[in-house]
């Protein structure tokens, strides 16, 4: 049974990115904002990124399937990891989206159960868990 959920269009949690634009492109962005096409620079950038993601949607879907990745939000809690440890199972997690490792998961449990971790998006986990899994995060 999977606990992967498709994220809402505008998730509450977001990651900040920084981009560099030349002055001409930045001026064009500001002009479109001034003319009311977009509320602000961020609105234009988000819209442009979403349009590109929609345009490449089939390629993204094929890649997710090819690499056996999970898409969306994945919550990983203590109970799931303890069950995996009881089964002698090592988890190889591949997530496109957000992986949240619960605050009650300690470094020892994470090390005993998570063999490898690849997150394309964002990882939220206790600092000690992130540090312990450092060499297993790809």
Protein backbone atom coordinates (compact mmCIF):
# COMPACT_ATOMS: atom_id res chain seq x y z
CA UNK A 1 0.00 0.00 0.00
CA UNK A 2 1.47 3.33 -1.06
CA UNK A 3 1.21 6.55 0.89
CA UNK A 4 2.20 8.71 -2.08
CA UNK A 5 -0.22 11.52 -2.79
CA UNK A 6 -0.27 13.92 -5.70
CA UNK A 7 0.65 17.37 -4.48
CA UNK A 8 -1.73 20.26 -4.82
CA UNK A 9 -1.01 22.71 -7.62
CA UNK A 10 0.33 25.22 -5.08
CA UNK A 11 1.84 23.29 -2.18
CA UNK A 12 2.05 24.94 1.21
CA UNK A 13 5.71 23.98 1.51
CA UNK A 14 7.98 25.43 -1.13
CA UNK A 15 11.68 25.68 -1.81
CA UNK A 16 13.39 28.91 -2.69
CA UNK A 17 15.53 29.01 -5.81
CA UNK A 18 17.71 31.78 -7.16
CA UNK A 19 18.17 32.62 -10.81
CA UNK A 20 20.32 35.16 -12.58
CA UNK A 21 18.88 37.12 -15.49
CA UNK A 22 20.53 39.63 -17.72
CA UNK A 23 19.29 43.21 -17.50
CA UNK A 24 17.38 43.05 -20.80
CA UNK A 25 15.46 39.91 -19.80
CA UNK A 26 14.81 41.35 -16.35
CA UNK A 27 13.54 44.54 -17.96
CA UNK A 28 11.15 42.53 -20.11
CA UNK A 29 9.89 40.71 -17.03
CA UNK A 30 9.34 44.01 -15.23
CA UNK A 31 7.53 45.41 -18.28
CA UNK A 32 5.09 42.46 -18.31
CA UNK A 33 4.49 42.95 -14.59
CA UNK A 34 3.98 46.69 -15.08
CA UNK A 35 1.49 46.03 -17.89
CA UNK A 36 -0.52 43.72 -15.63
CA UNK A 37 0.19 40.39 -17.32
CA UNK A 38 1.62 39.08 -14.03
CA UNK A 39 1.24 40.13 -10.41
CA UNK A 40 5.00 40.20 -9.86
CA UNK A 41 8.28 38.68 -11.06
CA UNK A 42 7.70 35.48 -9.09
CA UNK A 43 4.29 35.01 -10.70
CA UNK A 44 5.84 35.19 -14.18
CA UNK A 45 8.65 32.79 -13.28
CA UNK A 46 6.28 30.25 -11.69
CA UNK A 47 3.97 30.44 -14.71
CA UNK A 48 6.88 29.95 -17.12
CA UNK A 49 8.16 26.94 -15.17
CA UNK A 50 4.71 25.35 -14.99
CA UNK A 51 4.22 25.84 -18.72
CA UNK A 52 7.55 24.10 -19.40
CA UNK A 53 6.64 21.24 -17.05
CA UNK A 54 3.29 20.78 -18.81
CA UNK A 55 5.02 20.85 -22.18
CA UNK A 56 7.43 18.13 -21.06
CA UNK A 57 4.84 16.20 -19.03
CA UNK A 58 5.06 13.02 -21.11
CA UNK A 59 8.85 12.94 -20.85
CA UNK A 60 8.69 13.45 -17.08
CA UNK A 61 6.09 10.67 -16.72
CA UNK A 62 8.19 8.27 -18.80
CA UNK A 63 11.29 9.06 -16.78
CA UNK A 64 9.48 8.52 -13.47
CA UNK A 65 8.24 5.15 -14.68
CA UNK A 66 11.61 4.17 -16.15
CA UNK A 67 13.43 4.93 -12.90
CA UNK A 68 10.67 3.44 -10.68
CA UNK A 69 10.22 6.70 -8.80
CA UNK A 70 7.36 7.81 -6.60
CA UNK A 71 5.69 11.11 -7.46
CA UNK A 72 4.21 13.53 -4.95
CA UNK A 73 4.38 13.68 -1.19
CA UNK A 74 5.87 10.75 0.73
CA UNK A 75 5.58 10.69 4.51
CA UNK A 76 7.93 8.21 6.13
CA UNK A 77 7.21 7.52 9.78
CA UNK A 78 8.64 5.51 12.62
CA UNK A 79 6.01 2.72 12.32
CA UNK A 80 6.79 2.10 8.64
CA UNK A 81 10.53 2.00 9.28
CA UNK A 82 10.16 -0.31 12.30
CA UNK A 83 8.01 -2.65 10.18
CA UNK A 84 10.67 -2.65 7.46
CA UNK A 85 13.35 -3.42 10.05
CA UNK A 86 11.24 -6.30 11.43
CA UNK A 87 10.98 -7.76 7.90
CA UNK A 88 14.72 -7.31 7.35
CA UNK A 89 13.93 -5.01 4.44
CA UNK A 90 16.29 -2.27 3.24
CA UNK A 91 14.47 0.63 1.60
CA UNK A 92 15.70 2.20 -1.62
CA UNK A 93 13.63 5.37 -1.90
CA UNK A 94 13.36 7.39 -5.11
CA UNK A 95 11.03 10.37 -4.82
CA UNK A 96 10.06 13.16 -7.20
CA UNK A 97 8.43 15.76 -4.98
CA UNK A 98 8.67 15.96 -1.21
CA UNK A 99 9.90 13.33 1.23
CA UNK A 100 9.11 14.04 4.87
CA UNK A 101 10.78 11.84 7.46
CA UNK A 102 8.89 12.14 10.73
CA UNK A 103 10.48 13.89 13.70
CA UNK A 104 10.22 10.70 15.81
CA UNK A 105 12.58 8.83 13.46
CA UNK A 106 16.07 8.73 14.93
CA UNK A 107 19.37 8.30 13.12
CA UNK A 108 19.83 4.67 14.20
CA UNK A 109 16.44 3.61 12.81
CA UNK A 110 17.04 5.49 9.56
CA UNK A 111 20.46 3.88 9.12
CA UNK A 112 19.05 0.42 9.83
CA UNK A 113 16.30 0.69 7.24
CA UNK A 114 17.17 3.22 4.50
CA UNK A 115 19.80 1.80 2.15
CA UNK A 116 19.63 4.57 -0.43
CA UNK A 117 17.74 7.79 -0.95
CA UNK A 118 17.26 9.94 -4.03
CA UNK A 119 14.97 12.94 -3.80
CA UNK A 120 14.33 15.20 -6.76
CA UNK A 121 12.55 18.04 -5.03
CA UNK A 122 12.84 18.48 -1.28
CA UNK A 123 13.76 16.39 1.75
CA UNK A 124 12.47 17.32 5.18
CA UNK A 125 13.95 15.28 8.00
CA UNK A 126 15.47 15.76 11.44
CA UNK A 127 18.99 17.18 11.15
CA UNK A 128 20.53 14.09 12.78
CA UNK A 129 18.79 11.83 10.25
CA UNK A 130 20.00 13.91 7.30
CA UNK A 131 23.53 13.85 8.66
CA UNK A 132 23.46 10.10 9.31
CA UNK A 133 22.14 9.34 5.81
CA UNK A 134 24.52 11.75 4.10
CA UNK A 135 26.51 9.08 2.23
CA UNK A 136 23.27 7.30 1.18
CA UNK A 137 21.64 10.38 -0.34
CA UNK A 138 22.21 10.59 -4.08
